[in-house]
C-alpha atoms as a PDB file:
ATOM      1  CA  MET A   1      11.732  10.296   9.924  1.00  0.00           C
ATOM      2  CA  ILE A   2      12.453   6.830  11.299  1.00  0.00           C
ATOM      3  CA  GLY A   3       8.722   6.059  11.332  1.00  0.00           C
ATOM      4  CA  LEU A   4       8.391   7.023   7.666  1.00  0.00           C
ATOM      5  CA  LEU A   5      11.361   4.853   6.730  1.00  0.00           C
ATOM      6  CA  LEU A   6       9.997   1.961   8.775  1.00  0.00           C
ATOM      7  CA  ARG A   7       6.606   2.342   7.077  1.00  0.00           C
ATOM      8  CA  GLY A   8       8.361   2.178   3.715  1.00  0.00           C
ATOM      9  CA  VAL A   9      10.244  -0.978   4.703  1.00  0.00           C
ATOM     10  CA  PHE A  10       7.028  -2.696   5.807  1.00  0.00           C
ATOM     11  CA  SER A  11       5.324  -1.585   2.600  1.00  0.00           C
ATOM     12  CA  ALA A  12       8.193  -3.048   0.557  1.00  0.00           C
ATOM     13  CA  LEU A  13       7.928  -6.294   2.500  1.00  0.00           C
ATOM     14  CA  GLY A  14       4.179  -6.395   1.852  1.00  0.00           C
ATOM     15  CA  LEU A  15       4.706  -5.702  -1.853  1.00  0.00           C
ATOM     16  CA  TRP A  16       7.287  -8.480  -2.025  1.00  0.00           C
ATOM     17  CA  LEU A  17       4.853 -10.911  -0.426  1.00  0.00           C
ATOM     18  CA  ALA A  18       2.048  -9.724  -2.707  1.00  0.00           C
ATOM     19  CA  THR A  19       4.095 -10.561  -5.807  1.00  0.00           C
ATOM     20  CA  PHE A  20       3.806 -14.222  -4.847  1.00  0.00           C
ATOM     21  CA  LEU A  21       0.107 -14.114  -3.929  1.00  0.00           C
ATOM     22  CA  ILE A  22      -1.420 -11.690  -6.461  1.00  0.00           C
ATOM     23  CA  ALA A  23      -1.293 -12.684 -10.123  1.00  0.00           C
ATOM     24  CA  GLY A  24      -1.708  -9.153 -11.503  1.00  0.00           C
ATOM     25  CA  LEU A  25       1.223  -7.552  -9.653  1.00  0.00           C
ATOM     26  CA  THR A  26       4.636  -7.583 -11.339  1.00  0.00           C
ATOM     27  CA  PHE A  27       7.937  -5.775 -10.948  1.00  0.00           C
ATOM     28  CA  ASN A  28      10.596  -5.515 -13.652  1.00  0.00           C
ATOM     29  CA  LYS A  29      13.517  -5.590 -11.213  1.00  0.00           C
ATOM     30  CA  PRO A  30      13.777  -6.590  -7.551  1.00  0.00           C
ATOM     31  CA  ASP A  31      15.086  -3.176  -6.510  1.00  0.00           C
ATOM     32  CA  THR A  32      11.880  -1.621  -7.838  1.00  0.00           C
ATOM     33  CA  ILE A  33      10.067  -3.307  -4.944  1.00  0.00           C
ATOM     34  CA  ILE A  34      12.175  -1.329  -2.452  1.00  0.00           C
ATOM     35  CA  VAL A  35      11.570   1.952  -4.273  1.00  0.00           C
ATOM     36  CA  ALA A  36       7.846   1.158  -4.577  1.00  0.00           C
ATOM     37  CA  GLY A  37       7.673   0.427  -0.850  1.00  0.00           C
ATOM     38  CA  LEU A  38       9.306   3.739   0.009  1.00  0.00           C
ATOM     39  CA  VAL A  39       7.075   5.659  -2.416  1.00  0.00           C
ATOM     40  CA  LEU A  40       3.994   3.856  -1.085  1.00  0.00           C
ATOM     41  CA  GLY A  41       5.019   4.764   2.462  1.00  0.00           C
ATOM     42  CA  ILE A  42       5.383   8.420   1.489  1.00  0.00           C
ATOM     43  CA  VAL A  43       2.097   8.467  -0.457  1.00  0.00           C
ATOM     44  CA  ASN A  44       0.271   6.820   2.444  1.00  0.00           C
ATOM     45  CA  ALA A  45       1.741   9.313   4.891  1.00  0.00           C
ATOM     46  CA  LEU A  46       0.973  12.418   2.833  1.00  0.00           C
ATOM     47  CA  LEU A  47      -1.978  11.791   0.524  1.00  0.00           C
ATOM     48  CA  ARG A  48      -4.024   9.084   2.267  1.00  0.00           C
ATOM     49  CA  PRO A  49      -5.074  11.219   5.299  1.00  0.00           C
ATOM     50  CA  LEU A  50      -6.427  13.893   2.966  1.00  0.00           C
ATOM     51  CA  LEU A  51      -8.411  11.327   0.980  1.00  0.00           C
ATOM     52  CA  VAL A  52      -9.759   9.765   4.168  1.00  0.00           C
ATOM     53  CA  ILE A  53     -11.056  13.140   5.337  1.00  0.00           C
ATOM     54  CA  LEU A  54     -12.548  14.003   1.937  1.00  0.00           C
ATOM     55  CA  THR A  55     -14.344  10.655   1.668  1.00  0.00           C
ATOM     56  CA  LEU A  56     -15.441  10.455   5.297  1.00  0.00           C
ATOM     57  CA  PRO A  57     -19.202  10.404   4.559  1.00  0.00           C
ATOM     58  CA  ILE A  58     -18.959   7.431   2.186  1.00  0.00           C
ATOM     59  CA  THR A  59     -16.554   5.716   4.567  1.00  0.00           C
ATOM     60  CA  ILE A  60     -19.091   6.030   7.376  1.00  0.00           C
ATOM     61  CA  VAL A  61     -21.940   4.780   5.176  1.00  0.00           C
ATOM     62  CA  THR A  62     -19.889   1.730   4.096  1.00  0.00           C
ATOM     63  CA  LEU A  63     -18.775   1.089   7.696  1.00  0.00           C
ATOM     64  CA  GLY A  64     -15.129   1.673   6.801  1.00  0.00           C
ATOM     65  CA  LEU A  65     -14.957  -0.637   3.798  1.00  0.00           C
ATOM     66  CA  PHE A  66     -14.303   2.308   1.491  1.00  0.00           C
ATOM     67  CA  LEU A  67     -10.877   2.576   3.109  1.00  0.00           C
ATOM     68  CA  LEU A  68      -9.955  -0.535   1.113  1.00  0.00           C
ATOM     69  CA  VAL A  69     -10.755   1.384  -2.073  1.00  0.00           C
ATOM     70  CA  ILE A  70      -8.530   4.244  -0.916  1.00  0.00           C
ATOM     71  CA  ASN A  71      -5.688   1.810  -0.185  1.00  0.00           C
ATOM     72  CA  ALA A  72      -6.132   0.222  -3.626  1.00  0.00           C
ATOM     73  CA  ALA A  73      -6.032   3.686  -5.190  1.00  0.00           C
ATOM     74  CA  MET A  74      -2.743   4.391  -3.401  1.00  0.00           C
ATOM     75  CA  VAL A  75      -1.241   1.175  -4.796  1.00  0.00           C
ATOM     76  CA  ALA A  76      -2.501   2.043  -8.283  1.00  0.00           C
ATOM     77  CA  LEU A  77      -1.064   5.559  -7.986  1.00  0.00           C
ATOM     78  CA  VAL A  78       2.360   4.201  -7.062  1.00  0.00           C
ATOM     79  CA  ALA A  79       2.158   1.784 -10.006  1.00  0.00           C
ATOM     80  CA  ARG A  80       1.433   4.732 -12.311  1.00  0.00           C
ATOM     81  CA  LEU A  81       4.358   6.712 -10.889  1.00  0.00           C
ATOM     82  CA  LEU A  82       6.958   3.933 -11.087  1.00  0.00           C
ATOM     83  CA  PRO A  83       7.797   2.581 -14.536  1.00  0.00           C
ATOM     84  CA  GLY A  84       8.900  -0.851 -13.255  1.00  0.00           C
ATOM     85  CA  MET A  85       5.726  -1.668 -11.301  1.00  0.00           C
ATOM     86  CA  HIS A  86       2.634  -3.050 -13.039  1.00  0.00           C
ATOM     87  CA  VAL A  87      -0.819  -3.676 -11.541  1.00  0.00           C
ATOM     88  CA  ALA A  88      -3.263  -5.490 -13.848  1.00  0.00           C
ATOM     89  CA  GLY A  89      -6.471  -3.907 -12.529  1.00  0.00           C
ATOM     90  CA  PHE A  90      -8.557  -2.942  -9.555  1.00  0.00           C
ATOM     91  CA  GLY A  91      -8.728  -6.488  -8.198  1.00  0.00           C
ATOM     92  CA  ALA A  92      -4.963  -6.811  -8.191  1.00  0.00           C
ATOM     93  CA  ALA A  93      -4.597  -3.381  -6.580  1.00  0.00           C
ATOM     94  CA  LEU A  94      -7.181  -4.289  -3.927  1.00  0.00           C
ATOM     95  CA  GLY A  95      -5.506  -7.604  -3.117  1.00  0.00           C
ATOM     96  CA  THR A  96      -2.115  -5.923  -2.968  1.00  0.00           C
ATOM     97  CA  ALA A  97      -3.472  -3.187  -0.697  1.00  0.00           C
ATOM     98  CA  ILE A  98      -4.926  -5.768   1.688  1.00  0.00           C
ATOM     99  CA  ILE A  99      -1.656  -7.698   1.879  1.00  0.00           C
ATOM    100  CA  VAL A 100       0.425  -4.532   2.352  1.00  0.00           C
ATOM    101  CA  SER A 101      -1.970  -3.332   5.066  1.00  0.00           C
ATOM    102  CA  VAL A 102      -1.819  -6.616   6.976  1.00  0.00           C
ATOM    103  CA  VAL A 103       1.981  -6.790   6.750  1.00  0.00           C
ATOM    104  CA  GLY A 104       2.241  -3.151   7.830  1.00  0.00           C
ATOM    105  CA  TRP A 105      -0.093  -3.773  10.743  1.00  0.00           C
ATOM    106  CA  PHE A 106       1.907  -6.775  11.966  1.00  0.00           C
ATOM    107  CA  GLY A 107       5.198  -4.988  11.340  1.00  0.00           C
ATOM    108  CA  GLY A 108       4.046  -1.928  13.263  1.00  0.00           C
ATOM    109  CA  ALA A 109       2.954  -4.104  16.167  1.00  0.00           C
ATOM    110  CA  LEU A 110       6.339  -5.845  16.200  1.00  0.00           C
ATOM    111  CA  ALA A 111       8.180  -2.522  16.003  1.00  0.00           C
ATOM    112  CA  ARG A 112       6.262  -1.233  19.015  1.00  0.00           C
ATOM    113  CA  GLY A 113       7.136  -4.383  20.915  1.00  0.00           C
ATOM    114  CA  ARG A 114       3.676  -5.909  21.301  1.00  0.00           C
END
């Protein structure tokens, strides 16, 4: 449970950073970023592993680059679920997914003490 909450916090931090770097990502209210981070953490924990398994052949053929498309789809799904989050298109979702992934990776490494 703590890991899921921590994943949500890192996702929210990545979304907050992405609002400054990605032109097509907007939030109506600041507290929507926190909710979006928690929802993105839950979606990534529950739905992403299933999509990774289902798309394994194309992921292998693209040498893992298709995982970026899956991450962008997760961001777009969260934007569709939350009324206060808006993503302008695939490019904005992809950029947001990359930023959230990098922040989550660094945050996870810091949380483990490395």
